[in-house]
C-alpha atoms as a PDB file:
ATOM      1  CA  MET A   1       0.104   0.119   0.170  1.00  0.00           C
ATOM      2  CA  ALA A   2       0.957   3.385  -0.446  1.00  0.00           C
ATOM      3  CA  THR A   3       2.082   6.180   1.564  1.00  0.00           C
ATOM      4  CA  VAL A   4       0.411   9.604   2.835  1.00  0.00           C
ATOM      5  CA  ARG A   5       2.459  12.451   3.337  1.00  0.00           C
ATOM      6  CA  GLY A   6       3.512  12.707   6.982  1.00  0.00           C
ATOM      7  CA  LEU A   7       2.728  10.093   8.018  1.00  0.00           C
ATOM      8  CA  SER A   8       5.229   7.962   5.744  1.00  0.00           C
ATOM      9  CA  ASP A   9       7.468   6.646   7.495  1.00  0.00           C
ATOM     10  CA  GLY A  10       6.291   4.052   9.065  1.00  0.00           C
ATOM     11  CA  THR A  11       5.933   4.386  12.320  1.00  0.00           C
ATOM     12  CA  ASP A  12       1.908   5.586  12.505  1.00  0.00           C
ATOM     13  CA  PRO A  13      -0.460   2.719  12.049  1.00  0.00           C
ATOM     14  CA  ARG A  14      -2.832   5.418  10.751  1.00  0.00           C
ATOM     15  CA  ALA A  15      -1.300   5.719   7.060  1.00  0.00           C
ATOM     16  CA  GLU A  16      -2.624   2.373   6.096  1.00  0.00           C
ATOM     17  CA  PHE A  17      -5.157   2.132   7.817  1.00  0.00           C
ATOM     18  CA  LEU A  18      -6.300   6.391   6.228  1.00  0.00           C
ATOM     19  CA  LEU A  19      -5.050   4.287   2.801  1.00  0.00           C
ATOM     20  CA  GLU A  20      -7.269   1.179   3.464  1.00  0.00           C
ATOM     21  CA  GLN A  21     -10.616   3.429   4.306  1.00  0.00           C
ATOM     22  CA  ILE A  22      -9.624   5.888   0.262  1.00  0.00           C
ATOM     23  CA  VAL A  23      -9.322   2.875  -1.736  1.00  0.00           C
ATOM     24  CA  ASP A  24     -12.534   0.827  -0.156  1.00  0.00           C
ATOM     25  CA  ALA A  25     -14.618   4.807  -0.120  1.00  0.00           C
ATOM     26  CA  ILE A  26     -13.649   4.883  -3.802  1.00  0.00           C
ATOM     27  CA  TRP A  27     -14.036   1.077  -4.293  1.00  0.00           C
ATOM     28  CA  SER A  28     -18.102   1.375  -3.428  1.00  0.00           C
ATOM     29  CA  ARG A  29     -18.709   3.839  -6.513  1.00  0.00           C
ATOM     30  CA  VAL A  30     -17.615   1.311  -8.333  1.00  0.00           C
ATOM     31  CA  GLY A  31     -20.768  -0.767  -9.747  1.00  0.00           C
ATOM     32  CA  ARG A  32     -21.719  -2.891 -12.529  1.00  0.00           C
ATOM     33  CA  ARG A  33     -21.911  -0.584 -14.787  1.00  0.00           C
ATOM     34  CA  THR A  34     -18.604   0.933 -14.497  1.00  0.00           C
ATOM     35  CA  ARG A  35     -16.149   1.163 -17.493  1.00  0.00           C
ATOM     36  CA  ALA A  36     -13.201   3.798 -16.492  1.00  0.00           C
ATOM     37  CA  LEU A  37     -12.056   5.142 -13.056  1.00  0.00           C
ATOM     38  CA  PHE A  38      -9.954   9.059 -13.381  1.00  0.00           C
ATOM     39  CA  LEU A  39      -8.467   9.914 -10.400  1.00  0.00           C
ATOM     40  CA  SER A  40      -6.070  12.502  -9.573  1.00  0.00           C
ATOM     41  CA  TYR A  41      -2.969  10.920  -8.127  1.00  0.00           C
ATOM     42  CA  HIS A  42      -2.587  13.723  -5.165  1.00  0.00           C
ATOM     43  CA  THR A  43      -5.286  15.632  -3.730  1.00  0.00           C
ATOM     44  CA  SER A  44      -5.540  19.018  -3.643  1.00  0.00           C
ATOM     45  CA  GLY A  45      -6.547  20.073  -0.806  1.00  0.00           C
ATOM     46  CA  THR A  46      -4.485  17.648   1.629  1.00  0.00           C
ATOM     47  CA  ALA A  47      -1.843  16.487  -1.091  1.00  0.00           C
ATOM     48  CA  ILE A  48      -2.636  12.883  -0.221  1.00  0.00           C
ATOM     49  CA  ALA A  49      -1.067  10.863  -2.562  1.00  0.00           C
ATOM     50  CA  LEU A  50      -4.246   8.503  -3.411  1.00  0.00           C
ATOM     51  CA  PRO A  51      -2.711   4.005  -4.043  1.00  0.00           C
ATOM     52  CA  VAL A  52      -3.469   4.284  -7.055  1.00  0.00           C
ATOM     53  CA  THR A  53      -1.717   1.259  -7.569  1.00  0.00           C
ATOM     54  CA  GLU A  54      -4.512  -0.752  -5.632  1.00  0.00           C
ATOM     55  CA  LEU A  55      -7.044   1.116  -7.350  1.00  0.00           C
ATOM     56  CA  CYS A  56      -5.402   0.157 -10.617  1.00  0.00           C
ATOM     57  CA  ARG A  57      -5.462  -3.320  -9.643  1.00  0.00           C
ATOM     58  CA  ARG A  58      -8.755  -4.135  -8.349  1.00  0.00           C
ATOM     59  CA  ALA A  59     -10.035  -2.325 -11.723  1.00  0.00           C
ATOM     60  CA  ARG A  60      -8.051  -5.120 -13.779  1.00  0.00           C
ATOM     61  CA  GLU A  61      -9.974  -7.201 -11.550  1.00  0.00           C
ATOM     62  CA  GLY A  62     -13.348  -6.142 -11.491  1.00  0.00           C
ATOM     63  CA  ILE A  63     -13.929  -3.656 -14.118  1.00  0.00           C
ATOM     64  CA  SER A  64     -15.110  -6.283 -17.067  1.00  0.00           C
ATOM     65  CA  ARG A  65     -13.377  -5.273 -20.474  1.00  0.00           C
ATOM     66  CA  LEU A  66     -14.948  -4.975 -23.833  1.00  0.00           C
ATOM     67  CA  ALA A  67     -13.905  -6.864 -26.863  1.00  0.00           C
ATOM     68  CA  LEU A  68     -13.699  -4.970 -29.951  1.00  0.00           C
ATOM     69  CA  ARG A  69     -11.847  -7.262 -32.011  1.00  0.00           C
ATOM     70  CA  ALA A  70     -14.261  -9.642 -30.941  1.00  0.00           C
ATOM     71  CA  LEU A  71     -17.204  -7.909 -31.961  1.00  0.00           C
ATOM     72  CA  GLY A  72     -15.890  -8.182 -35.190  1.00  0.00           C
ATOM     73  CA  ALA A  73     -17.189  -4.401 -35.669  1.00  0.00           C
ATOM     74  CA  ASP A  74     -15.328  -1.259 -37.923  1.00  0.00           C
ATOM     75  CA  TYR A  75     -16.138   0.990 -35.900  1.00  0.00           C
ATOM     76  CA  TYR A  76     -18.056   1.405 -32.086  1.00  0.00           C
ATOM     77  CA  ALA A  77     -18.697   4.262 -30.604  1.00  0.00           C
ATOM     78  CA  GLY A  78     -20.085   4.645 -26.478  1.00  0.00           C
ATOM     79  CA  ASN A  79     -22.178   6.856 -24.791  1.00  0.00           C
END
């Protein structure tokens, strides 16, 4: 898991707990219709570096992918 600025020396157990809460809060908004995640690496209000590695890992495992080649379409557009 990533680190939180100011808590990154590994001595404060709140750091990992906070990051887990952030991941869970963001992931709770992902549903069956979610196709992409768009987020900033650092939050502007707190300068916390979001755990994007963990979020990307979850996305690869949980967000379905559209197999465009399998459709056999020349063009594809979505909304």
